[in-house]
């Protein structure tokens, strides 16, 4: 993380570090390297938050069996009938012809 950034805390949840518009402009390479490395920032102007810099989600990331099992343990349960009803509702929202969308 670029030096000089502040992290705010709300309860026991860490909020993204803040970076000023000036720091973003003058240290853009360092900031972008941090974003590429997975760091997120809240950009401020005059002490007020104006935007966020977040890494793009990378699809196709390999998930290990252990990580998948850990995520599955915390996932909410859905019964099969509810799942199918939601899928049908979503499928009905779109035309089969991509040019009609």
C-alpha atoms as a PDB file:
ATOM      1  CA  UNK A   1       0.000   0.000   0.000  1.00  0.00           C
ATOM      2  CA  UNK A   2       1.339   3.462  -0.786  1.00  0.00           C
ATOM      3  CA  UNK A   3       2.693   5.256   2.269  1.00  0.00           C
ATOM      4  CA  UNK A   4       0.652   8.049   3.796  1.00  0.00           C
ATOM      5  CA  UNK A   5      -2.717   6.365   3.304  1.00  0.00           C
ATOM      6  CA  UNK A   6      -5.055   6.085   6.237  1.00  0.00           C
ATOM      7  CA  UNK A   7      -7.248   3.159   7.160  1.00  0.00           C
ATOM      8  CA  UNK A   8     -10.534   3.768   8.902  1.00  0.00           C
ATOM      9  CA  UNK A   9     -12.226   1.293  11.170  1.00  0.00           C
ATOM     10  CA  UNK A  10     -15.918   0.721  11.859  1.00  0.00           C
ATOM     11  CA  UNK A  11     -16.329  -1.704  14.722  1.00  0.00           C
ATOM     12  CA  UNK A  12     -14.143  -4.670  13.880  1.00  0.00           C
ATOM     13  CA  UNK A  13     -14.489  -4.159  10.108  1.00  0.00           C
ATOM     14  CA  UNK A  14     -11.603  -2.493   8.269  1.00  0.00           C
ATOM     15  CA  UNK A  15     -12.677   0.008   5.639  1.00  0.00           C
ATOM     16  CA  UNK A  16     -10.498   0.481   2.565  1.00  0.00           C
ATOM     17  CA  UNK A  17      -7.544   2.815   2.944  1.00  0.00           C
ATOM     18  CA  UNK A  18      -8.125   6.342   1.715  1.00  0.00           C
ATOM     19  CA  UNK A  19      -5.959   8.042  -0.861  1.00  0.00           C
ATOM     20  CA  UNK A  20      -6.267  11.684  -1.853  1.00  0.00           C
ATOM     21  CA  UNK A  21      -6.867  12.797  -5.412  1.00  0.00           C
ATOM     22  CA  UNK A  22      -3.463  14.501  -5.258  1.00  0.00           C
ATOM     23  CA  UNK A  23      -1.737  11.238  -4.229  1.00  0.00           C
ATOM     24  CA  UNK A  24      -3.560   9.370  -6.985  1.00  0.00           C
ATOM     25  CA  UNK A  25      -2.380  11.877  -9.575  1.00  0.00           C
ATOM     26  CA  UNK A  26       1.214  12.094  -8.353  1.00  0.00           C
ATOM     27  CA  UNK A  27       1.745   8.448  -7.399  1.00  0.00           C
ATOM     28  CA  UNK A  28      -0.435   6.753  -9.980  1.00  0.00           C
ATOM     29  CA  UNK A  29       2.075   4.021 -10.862  1.00  0.00           C
ATOM     30  CA  UNK A  30       2.514   3.021  -7.208  1.00  0.00           C
ATOM     31  CA  UNK A  31      -1.238   3.120  -6.597  1.00  0.00           C
ATOM     32  CA  UNK A  32      -2.042   1.111  -9.745  1.00  0.00           C
ATOM     33  CA  UNK A  33       0.587  -1.477  -8.777  1.00  0.00           C
ATOM     34  CA  UNK A  34      -1.132  -1.822  -5.391  1.00  0.00           C
ATOM     35  CA  UNK A  35      -4.556  -2.186  -7.069  1.00  0.00           C
ATOM     36  CA  UNK A  36      -3.136  -4.815  -9.418  1.00  0.00           C
ATOM     37  CA  UNK A  37      -1.850  -6.606  -6.324  1.00  0.00           C
ATOM     38  CA  UNK A  38      -5.385  -6.734  -4.888  1.00  0.00           C
ATOM     39  CA  UNK A  39      -5.527  -3.552  -2.787  1.00  0.00           C
ATOM     40  CA  UNK A  40      -8.642  -1.342  -2.889  1.00  0.00           C
ATOM     41  CA  UNK A  41      -8.727   2.388  -2.138  1.00  0.00           C
ATOM     42  CA  UNK A  42     -11.299   5.070  -1.398  1.00  0.00           C
ATOM     43  CA  UNK A  43     -10.332   8.229  -3.299  1.00  0.00           C
ATOM     44  CA  UNK A  44     -10.976  11.495  -1.460  1.00  0.00           C
ATOM     45  CA  UNK A  45     -11.115  15.144  -2.508  1.00  0.00           C
ATOM     46  CA  UNK A  46     -11.141  17.823   0.157  1.00  0.00           C
ATOM     47  CA  UNK A  47     -11.492  15.135   2.812  1.00  0.00           C
ATOM     48  CA  UNK A  48     -14.668  13.709   1.280  1.00  0.00           C
ATOM     49  CA  UNK A  49     -14.890  10.300  -0.417  1.00  0.00           C
ATOM     50  CA  UNK A  50     -15.560  10.635  -4.151  1.00  0.00           C
ATOM     51  CA  UNK A  51     -14.833   7.181  -5.570  1.00  0.00           C
ATOM     52  CA  UNK A  52     -13.253   3.797  -5.205  1.00  0.00           C
ATOM     53  CA  UNK A  53     -10.401   2.025  -6.922  1.00  0.00           C
ATOM     54  CA  UNK A  54     -10.912  -1.719  -6.796  1.00  0.00           C
ATOM     55  CA  UNK A  55      -9.139  -4.548  -8.579  1.00  0.00           C
ATOM     56  CA  UNK A  56     -11.068  -6.121 -11.418  1.00  0.00           C
ATOM     57  CA  UNK A  57     -12.502  -9.484 -10.607  1.00  0.00           C
ATOM     58  CA  UNK A  58     -10.561 -12.139 -12.411  1.00  0.00           C
ATOM     59  CA  UNK A  59     -12.767 -14.890 -13.668  1.00  0.00           C
ATOM     60  CA  UNK A  60     -11.312 -18.290 -14.200  1.00  0.00           C
ATOM     61  CA  UNK A  61      -9.263 -18.122 -11.020  1.00  0.00           C
ATOM     62  CA  UNK A  62      -8.412 -21.589  -9.800  1.00  0.00           C
ATOM     63  CA  UNK A  63     -10.129 -22.475  -6.552  1.00  0.00           C
ATOM     64  CA  UNK A  64      -8.571 -25.266  -4.560  1.00  0.00           C
ATOM     65  CA  UNK A  65     -10.683 -28.079  -3.166  1.00  0.00           C
ATOM     66  CA  UNK A  66     -10.045 -26.818   0.371  1.00  0.00           C
ATOM     67  CA  UNK A  67     -11.115 -23.271  -0.512  1.00  0.00           C
ATOM     68  CA  UNK A  68     -14.252 -24.542  -2.260  1.00  0.00           C
ATOM     69  CA  UNK A  69     -15.128 -26.696   0.754  1.00  0.00           C
ATOM     70  CA  UNK A  70     -14.664 -23.715   3.088  1.00  0.00           C
ATOM     71  CA  UNK A  71     -16.911 -21.515   0.929  1.00  0.00           C
ATOM     72  CA  UNK A  72     -19.518 -24.269   0.713  1.00  0.00           C
ATOM     73  CA  UNK A  73     -19.722 -24.583   4.494  1.00  0.00           C
ATOM     74  CA  UNK A  74     -20.757 -20.937   4.827  1.00  0.00           C
ATOM     75  CA  UNK A  75     -23.146 -20.867   1.841  1.00  0.00           C
ATOM     76  CA  UNK A  76     -26.830 -20.571   2.566  1.00  0.00           C
ATOM     77  CA  UNK A  77     -28.955 -23.601   1.832  1.00  0.00           C
ATOM     78  CA  UNK A  78     -31.514 -23.523  -0.971  1.00  0.00           C
ATOM     79  CA  UNK A  79     -33.985 -26.267  -1.665  1.00  0.00           C
ATOM     80  CA  UNK A  80     -34.112 -27.701  -5.183  1.00  0.00           C
ATOM     81  CA  UNK A  81     -37.637 -26.429  -5.979  1.00  0.00           C
ATOM     82  CA  UNK A  82     -36.757 -22.826  -5.064  1.00  0.00           C
ATOM     83  CA  UNK A  83     -33.557 -23.017  -7.097  1.00  0.00           C
ATOM     84  CA  UNK A  84     -35.367 -24.303 -10.182  1.00  0.00           C
ATOM     85  CA  UNK A  85     -38.118 -21.671  -9.847  1.00  0.00           C
ATOM     86  CA  UNK A  86     -35.494 -18.911  -9.708  1.00  0.00           C
ATOM     87  CA  UNK A  87     -33.735 -20.345 -12.755  1.00  0.00           C
ATOM     88  CA  UNK A  88     -36.998 -20.488 -14.707  1.00  0.00           C
ATOM     89  CA  UNK A  89     -37.829 -16.884 -13.771  1.00  0.00           C
ATOM     90  CA  UNK A  90     -34.408 -15.702 -14.907  1.00  0.00           C
ATOM     91  CA  UNK A  91     -34.526 -17.709 -18.146  1.00  0.00           C
ATOM     92  CA  UNK A  92     -37.946 -16.265 -19.016  1.00  0.00           C
ATOM     93  CA  UNK A  93     -36.575 -12.735 -18.779  1.00  0.00           C
ATOM     94  CA  UNK A  94     -34.468 -13.109 -21.914  1.00  0.00           C
ATOM     95  CA  UNK A  95     -35.414 -13.795 -25.476  1.00  0.00           C
ATOM     96  CA  UNK A  96     -33.810 -16.726 -27.265  1.00  0.00           C
ATOM     97  CA  UNK A  97     -32.740 -14.347 -30.020  1.00  0.00           C
ATOM     98  CA  UNK A  98     -29.701 -12.326 -28.867  1.00  0.00           C
ATOM     99  CA  UNK A  99     -30.635  -9.500 -31.287  1.00  0.00           C
ATOM    100  CA  UNK A 100     -33.945  -9.017 -29.462  1.00  0.00           C
ATOM    101  CA  UNK A 101     -32.193  -8.224 -26.179  1.00  0.00           C
END
